[in-house]
Every structure is written in C-alpha cells, then in structure tokens.
Amino acid sequence: PRDNTVLYGTLTLPKNRKYSLAILVSGSGAQNRDGEVFGHRPFKVIAEFLAQNGIGTLRFDDRGIGKSQGSFEGVSIDDLVGDVKGAINYIYSNLTPSQVGIIGHSEGGIVAIK
C-alpha cells in the first residue's frame, strides 16, 4: 500500500506452470482473507476452485484484520485501491503469471475498477 502498511494474505497457485492470477478484493467492512461470514469462507472456496481450474489467486486480510497491520477505521476507497496496487506490485515482483485480473465483491468491485 502507498502508506507502507504491511498486509498479509494467501497465495493459492495451480499445479500448472503457466497460469493467470486473480486478486480477490473483499466487500465493505473489515474482513479476513477468506471473507469469512458465520463460519463460511467464500474467498477460500473460490481460490481453491480457481486453482483446480488453472487460475491462481491472491487474497489478503484487510488492514487491522488477521495478521495485517494498521487499522480499518477511517480507511478510504483510495486507501483500498492502494492496497490492491500493492498486491499487484507484489505479484509482478515475485511471480510470473500470464495475466492478472481482479475479482471484487460488493465494495471490492468498486475498488477493482479504480
């Protein structure tokens, strides 16, 4: 992120060497990397399904959630966009996917198109 907040997440990669990769962006409110709600973890389910079908994913805890640093209180859309840009920079600095896309849920969809 642009303010150097350290975010932690999970990288799920398919077995094949050439793969596309999607960044999963959570919806409104502070959420963990799995988008956990009432014991259901939809982002984990999506990540595992995509990996089985040749697409990698990167999902991360929102600021102040799970292992991520910082605070979610007062976070703006621009901060969230910066977090996704940080994820993109991480991917291109450490991996070699053939393509990178963004999948956003709810507010994450707004962040994805910015």
N, C-alpha and C. Protein backbone atom coordinates (compact mmCIF):
# COMPACT_ATOMS: atom_id res chain seq x y z
N PRO A 1 0.82 -1.21 0.00
CA PRO A 1 0.00 0.00 0.00
C PRO A 1 0.85 1.26 0.00
N ARG A 2 0.25 2.35 -0.41
CA ARG A 2 1.00 3.60 -0.55
C ARG A 2 1.51 4.15 0.77
N ASP A 3 0.91 3.76 1.90
CA ASP A 3 1.36 4.26 3.20
C ASP A 3 2.25 3.26 3.94
N ASN A 4 2.73 2.24 3.25
CA ASN A 4 3.64 1.22 3.80
C ASN A 4 3.03 0.34 4.87
N THR A 5 1.70 0.28 4.98
CA THR A 5 1.05 -0.68 5.87
C THR A 5 1.33 -2.07 5.33
N VAL A 6 1.73 -3.00 6.18
CA VAL A 6 2.03 -4.36 5.75
C VAL A 6 0.75 -5.19 5.83
N LEU A 7 0.38 -5.78 4.70
CA LEU A 7 -0.78 -6.64 4.63
C LEU A 7 -0.33 -8.08 4.41
N TYR A 8 -1.04 -9.01 5.02
CA TYR A 8 -0.72 -10.43 4.87
C TYR A 8 -1.87 -11.13 4.17
N GLY A 9 -1.52 -12.14 3.40
CA GLY A 9 -2.54 -12.86 2.65
C GLY A 9 -2.12 -14.27 2.33
N THR A 10 -2.88 -14.87 1.44
CA THR A 10 -2.63 -16.24 1.00
C THR A 10 -2.58 -16.27 -0.52
N LEU A 11 -1.53 -16.89 -1.02
CA LEU A 11 -1.35 -17.09 -2.44
C LEU A 11 -1.70 -18.55 -2.72
N THR A 12 -2.66 -18.78 -3.59
CA THR A 12 -3.05 -20.14 -3.96
C THR A 12 -2.76 -20.31 -5.43
N LEU A 13 -1.86 -21.23 -5.75
CA LEU A 13 -1.44 -21.40 -7.14
C LEU A 13 -1.85 -22.76 -7.67
N PRO A 14 -2.16 -22.83 -8.96
CA PRO A 14 -2.48 -24.12 -9.58
C PRO A 14 -1.20 -24.92 -9.80
N LYS A 15 -1.35 -26.16 -10.15
CA LYS A 15 -0.18 -27.03 -10.36
C LYS A 15 0.54 -26.72 -11.66
N ASN A 16 -0.17 -26.23 -12.66
CA ASN A 16 0.47 -25.96 -13.94
C ASN A 16 1.42 -24.76 -13.84
N ARG A 17 2.43 -24.76 -14.68
CA ARG A 17 3.44 -23.70 -14.60
C ARG A 17 2.96 -22.39 -15.21
N LYS A 18 2.18 -22.45 -16.26
CA LYS A 18 1.66 -21.22 -16.87
C LYS A 18 0.25 -21.02 -16.34
N TYR A 19 0.03 -19.89 -15.73
CA TYR A 19 -1.26 -19.64 -15.11
C TYR A 19 -1.59 -18.15 -15.13
N SER A 20 -2.87 -17.85 -15.07
CA SER A 20 -3.35 -16.50 -14.83
C SER A 20 -3.55 -16.37 -13.33
N LEU A 21 -3.68 -15.16 -12.84
CA LEU A 21 -3.85 -14.95 -11.41
C LEU A 21 -4.89 -13.87 -11.16
N ALA A 22 -5.74 -14.10 -10.18
CA ALA A 22 -6.76 -13.12 -9.80
C ALA A 22 -6.52 -12.66 -8.37
N ILE A 23 -6.65 -11.37 -8.16
CA ILE A 23 -6.61 -10.80 -6.81
C ILE A 23 -8.06 -10.72 -6.33
N LEU A 24 -8.33 -11.29 -5.17
CA LEU A 24 -9.68 -11.26 -4.61
C LEU A 24 -9.78 -10.08 -3.65
N VAL A 25 -10.75 -9.20 -3.88
CA VAL A 25 -10.90 -7.98 -3.08
C VAL A 25 -12.23 -8.05 -2.32
N SER A 26 -12.14 -7.95 -1.01
CA SER A 26 -13.33 -8.10 -0.17
C SER A 26 -14.28 -6.91 -0.29
N GLY A 27 -15.50 -7.13 0.20
CA GLY A 27 -16.53 -6.10 0.18
C GLY A 27 -16.40 -5.15 1.35
N SER A 28 -17.44 -4.37 1.58
CA SER A 28 -17.40 -3.35 2.62
C SER A 28 -17.28 -3.96 4.01
N GLY A 29 -16.64 -3.23 4.88
CA GLY A 29 -16.39 -3.71 6.23
C GLY A 29 -15.08 -4.47 6.29
N ALA A 30 -14.52 -4.53 7.47
CA ALA A 30 -13.24 -5.22 7.66
C ALA A 30 -13.44 -6.73 7.59
N GLN A 31 -12.66 -7.37 6.73
CA GLN A 31 -12.79 -8.82 6.54
C GLN A 31 -11.43 -9.48 6.47
N ASN A 32 -11.42 -10.76 6.81
CA ASN A 32 -10.18 -11.51 6.65
C ASN A 32 -10.04 -12.00 5.21
N ARG A 33 -8.92 -12.58 4.92
CA ARG A 33 -8.59 -13.01 3.55
C ARG A 33 -9.57 -14.01 2.97
N ASP A 34 -10.29 -14.72 3.81
CA ASP A 34 -11.25 -15.71 3.34
C ASP A 34 -12.66 -15.15 3.20
N GLY A 35 -12.87 -13.88 3.57
CA GLY A 35 -14.20 -13.29 3.54
C GLY A 35 -15.15 -14.01 4.47
N GLU A 36 -14.62 -14.47 5.59
CA GLU A 36 -15.38 -15.34 6.49
C GLU A 36 -16.62 -14.66 7.07
N VAL A 37 -17.76 -15.34 6.93
CA VAL A 37 -19.03 -14.88 7.46
C VAL A 37 -19.75 -16.10 8.05
N PHE A 38 -20.03 -16.05 9.34
CA PHE A 38 -20.75 -17.14 10.01
C PHE A 38 -20.12 -18.51 9.74
N GLY A 39 -18.79 -18.56 9.72
CA GLY A 39 -18.08 -19.82 9.53
C GLY A 39 -17.89 -20.24 8.08
N HIS A 40 -18.52 -19.54 7.16
CA HIS A 40 -18.34 -19.84 5.73
C HIS A 40 -17.21 -18.97 5.21
N ARG A 41 -16.35 -19.53 4.36
CA ARG A 41 -15.21 -18.80 3.83
C ARG A 41 -15.27 -18.75 2.30
N PRO A 42 -16.10 -17.89 1.75
CA PRO A 42 -16.29 -17.88 0.30
C PRO A 42 -15.03 -17.61 -0.52
N PHE A 43 -14.15 -16.73 -0.06
CA PHE A 43 -12.94 -16.47 -0.84
C PHE A 43 -12.02 -17.68 -0.86
N LYS A 44 -11.99 -18.43 0.20
CA LYS A 44 -11.18 -19.66 0.22
C LYS A 44 -11.76 -20.68 -0.75
N VAL A 45 -13.07 -20.81 -0.76
CA VAL A 45 -13.73 -21.73 -1.68
C VAL A 45 -13.45 -21.32 -3.13
N ILE A 46 -13.58 -20.04 -3.42
CA ILE A 46 -13.31 -19.54 -4.76
C ILE A 46 -11.86 -19.79 -5.15
N ALA A 47 -10.93 -19.49 -4.25
CA ALA A 47 -9.50 -19.68 -4.53
C ALA A 47 -9.18 -21.13 -4.84
N GLU A 48 -9.72 -22.04 -4.07
CA GLU A 48 -9.45 -23.46 -4.30
C GLU A 48 -10.06 -23.93 -5.62
N PHE A 49 -11.28 -23.47 -5.93
CA PHE A 49 -11.91 -23.83 -7.20
C PHE A 49 -11.08 -23.31 -8.37
N LEU A 50 -10.68 -22.05 -8.30
CA LEU A 50 -9.89 -21.48 -9.40
C LEU A 50 -8.56 -22.21 -9.57
N ALA A 51 -7.89 -22.54 -8.47
CA ALA A 51 -6.61 -23.25 -8.56
C ALA A 51 -6.80 -24.62 -9.23
N GLN A 52 -7.87 -25.29 -8.92
CA GLN A 52 -8.16 -26.59 -9.56
C GLN A 52 -8.42 -26.43 -11.05
N ASN A 53 -8.73 -25.22 -11.46
CA ASN A 53 -9.02 -24.94 -12.86
C ASN A 53 -7.96 -24.07 -13.53
N GLY A 54 -6.77 -24.06 -12.96
CA GLY A 54 -5.62 -23.43 -13.60
C GLY A 54 -5.44 -21.94 -13.36
N ILE A 55 -6.13 -21.38 -12.39
CA ILE A 55 -6.01 -19.94 -12.11
C ILE A 55 -5.57 -19.75 -10.66
N GLY A 56 -4.51 -19.00 -10.47
CA GLY A 56 -4.03 -18.69 -9.13
C GLY A 56 -4.79 -17.51 -8.54
N THR A 57 -4.71 -17.36 -7.23
CA THR A 57 -5.33 -16.22 -6.56
C THR A 57 -4.43 -15.68 -5.46
N LEU A 58 -4.61 -14.41 -5.20
CA LEU A 58 -4.02 -13.76 -4.03
C LEU A 58 -5.16 -13.09 -3.29
N ARG A 59 -5.32 -13.43 -2.02
CA ARG A 59 -6.34 -12.81 -1.18
C ARG A 59 -5.65 -12.36 0.10
N PHE A 60 -6.10 -11.25 0.66
CA PHE A 60 -5.38 -10.70 1.81
C PHE A 60 -6.34 -10.19 2.87
N ASP A 61 -5.84 -10.18 4.11
CA ASP A 61 -6.60 -9.62 5.24
C ASP A 61 -6.66 -8.11 5.08
N ASP A 62 -7.83 -7.53 5.34
CA ASP A 62 -7.94 -6.08 5.33
C ASP A 62 -7.07 -5.50 6.45
N ARG A 63 -6.80 -4.22 6.37
CA ARG A 63 -6.00 -3.52 7.38
C ARG A 63 -6.56 -3.77 8.79
N GLY A 64 -5.67 -4.14 9.69
CA GLY A 64 -6.06 -4.34 11.08
C GLY A 64 -6.80 -5.64 11.34
N ILE A 65 -6.92 -6.49 10.36
CA ILE A 65 -7.61 -7.76 10.49
C ILE A 65 -6.60 -8.90 10.31
N GLY A 66 -6.81 -9.99 11.04
CA GLY A 66 -5.89 -11.13 10.91
C GLY A 66 -4.47 -10.69 11.22
N LYS A 67 -3.56 -10.98 10.30
CA LYS A 67 -2.16 -10.62 10.51
C LYS A 67 -1.78 -9.26 9.92
N SER A 68 -2.70 -8.64 9.19
CA SER A 68 -2.38 -7.35 8.55
C SER A 68 -2.25 -6.24 9.58
N GLN A 69 -1.35 -5.33 9.30
CA GLN A 69 -1.11 -4.19 10.19
C GLN A 69 -2.11 -3.07 9.92
N GLY A 70 -2.03 -2.03 10.71
CA GLY A 70 -2.84 -0.85 10.51
C GLY A 70 -4.21 -0.96 11.15
N SER A 71 -5.08 -0.06 10.74
CA SER A 71 -6.44 -0.01 11.27
C SER A 71 -7.41 0.17 10.10
N PHE A 72 -8.53 -0.50 10.17
CA PHE A 72 -9.54 -0.35 9.12
C PHE A 72 -10.37 0.91 9.33
N GLU A 73 -10.37 1.40 10.54
CA GLU A 73 -11.16 2.60 10.86
C GLU A 73 -10.67 3.79 10.05
N GLY A 74 -11.58 4.45 9.37
CA GLY A 74 -11.23 5.64 8.60
C GLY A 74 -10.60 5.36 7.25
N VAL A 75 -10.57 4.11 6.83
CA VAL A 75 -9.98 3.76 5.54
C VAL A 75 -10.86 4.29 4.41
N SER A 76 -10.24 4.86 3.39
CA SER A 76 -10.96 5.40 2.24
C SER A 76 -10.87 4.44 1.06
N ILE A 77 -11.68 4.70 0.05
CA ILE A 77 -11.60 3.91 -1.19
C ILE A 77 -10.19 4.03 -1.78
N ASP A 78 -9.61 5.21 -1.72
CA ASP A 78 -8.25 5.40 -2.24
C ASP A 78 -7.24 4.54 -1.48
N ASP A 79 -7.42 4.39 -0.16
CA ASP A 79 -6.54 3.51 0.60
C ASP A 79 -6.69 2.07 0.13
N LEU A 80 -7.93 1.64 -0.10
CA LEU A 80 -8.18 0.27 -0.55
C LEU A 80 -7.62 0.04 -1.94
N VAL A 81 -7.74 1.03 -2.81
CA VAL A 81 -7.14 0.95 -4.14
C VAL A 81 -5.62 0.82 -4.01
N GLY A 82 -5.03 1.58 -3.11
CA GLY A 82 -3.59 1.48 -2.86
C GLY A 82 -3.20 0.09 -2.37
N ASP A 83 -4.05 -0.52 -1.56
CA ASP A 83 -3.78 -1.88 -1.08
C ASP A 83 -3.75 -2.87 -2.25
N VAL A 84 -4.70 -2.72 -3.17
CA VAL A 84 -4.73 -3.61 -4.34
C VAL A 84 -3.52 -3.34 -5.24
N LYS A 85 -3.14 -2.09 -5.39
CA LYS A 85 -1.94 -1.77 -6.19
C LYS A 85 -0.70 -2.39 -5.55
N GLY A 86 -0.67 -2.41 -4.20
CA GLY A 86 0.43 -3.09 -3.51
C GLY A 86 0.44 -4.57 -3.82
N ALA A 87 -0.74 -5.19 -3.89
CA ALA A 87 -0.83 -6.61 -4.24
C ALA A 87 -0.34 -6.84 -5.67
N ILE A 88 -0.72 -5.94 -6.57
CA ILE A 88 -0.26 -6.06 -7.97
C ILE A 88 1.26 -5.95 -8.03
N ASN A 89 1.83 -4.98 -7.32
CA ASN A 89 3.29 -4.84 -7.29
C ASN A 89 3.96 -6.09 -6.74
N TYR A 90 3.37 -6.66 -5.69
CA TYR A 90 3.92 -7.91 -5.12
C TYR A 90 3.92 -9.01 -6.17
N ILE A 91 2.82 -9.16 -6.86
CA ILE A 91 2.70 -10.22 -7.87
C ILE A 91 3.77 -10.06 -8.93
N TYR A 92 3.87 -8.87 -9.51
CA TYR A 92 4.82 -8.67 -10.60
C TYR A 92 6.27 -8.68 -10.14
N SER A 93 6.52 -8.48 -8.86
CA SER A 93 7.88 -8.54 -8.34
C SER A 93 8.30 -9.97 -7.97
N ASN A 94 7.33 -10.86 -7.75
CA ASN A 94 7.66 -12.18 -7.23
C ASN A 94 7.16 -13.36 -8.06
N LEU A 95 6.27 -13.12 -9.00
CA LEU A 95 5.65 -14.21 -9.75
C LEU A 95 5.67 -13.91 -11.24
N THR A 96 5.29 -14.89 -12.04
CA THR A 96 5.24 -14.68 -13.48
C THR A 96 3.92 -15.20 -14.08
N PRO A 97 2.80 -14.66 -13.64
CA PRO A 97 1.53 -15.09 -14.24
C PRO A 97 1.40 -14.57 -15.67
N SER A 98 0.64 -15.29 -16.49
CA SER A 98 0.43 -14.83 -17.87
C SER A 98 -0.49 -13.62 -17.92
N GLN A 99 -1.42 -13.53 -16.96
CA GLN A 99 -2.35 -12.40 -16.86
C GLN A 99 -2.69 -12.18 -15.40
N VAL A 100 -3.06 -10.96 -15.07
CA VAL A 100 -3.53 -10.66 -13.72
C VAL A 100 -4.87 -9.94 -13.83
N GLY A 101 -5.84 -10.41 -13.05
CA GLY A 101 -7.15 -9.78 -13.02
C GLY A 101 -7.56 -9.53 -11.58
N ILE A 102 -8.66 -8.83 -11.41
CA ILE A 102 -9.15 -8.51 -10.08
C ILE A 102 -10.61 -8.94 -10.00
N ILE A 103 -10.94 -9.66 -8.93
CA ILE A 103 -12.32 -10.05 -8.65
C ILE A 103 -12.72 -9.35 -7.36
N GLY A 104 -13.69 -8.46 -7.46
CA GLY A 104 -14.13 -7.72 -6.29
C GLY A 104 -15.55 -8.05 -5.92
N HIS A 105 -15.78 -8.20 -4.63
CA HIS A 105 -17.13 -8.43 -4.12
C HIS A 105 -17.65 -7.14 -3.49
N SER A 106 -18.87 -6.74 -3.83
CA SER A 106 -19.51 -5.57 -3.24
C SER A 106 -18.60 -4.35 -3.41
N GLU A 107 -18.20 -3.71 -2.32
CA GLU A 107 -17.32 -2.55 -2.41
C GLU A 107 -16.01 -2.91 -3.11
N GLY A 108 -15.60 -4.15 -3.01
CA GLY A 108 -14.39 -4.60 -3.71
C GLY A 108 -14.52 -4.48 -5.21
N GLY A 109 -15.76 -4.54 -5.73
CA GLY A 109 -15.97 -4.33 -7.16
C GLY A 109 -15.70 -2.89 -7.55
N ILE A 110 -16.04 -1.96 -6.66
CA ILE A 110 -15.74 -0.55 -6.92
C ILE A 110 -14.24 -0.33 -6.89
N VAL A 111 -13.59 -0.93 -5.90
CA VAL A 111 -12.12 -0.81 -5.78
C VAL A 111 -11.46 -1.39 -7.03
N ALA A 112 -11.98 -2.51 -7.52
CA ALA A 112 -11.37 -3.20 -8.66
C ALA A 112 -11.35 -2.36 -9.92
N ILE A 113 -12.39 -1.53 -10.14
CA ILE A 113 -12.44 -0.77 -11.38
C ILE A 113 -11.68 0.55 -11.31
N LYS A 114 -11.20 0.90 -10.12
CA LYS A 114 -10.43 2.14 -9.98
C LYS A 114 -9.00 1.84 -10.29
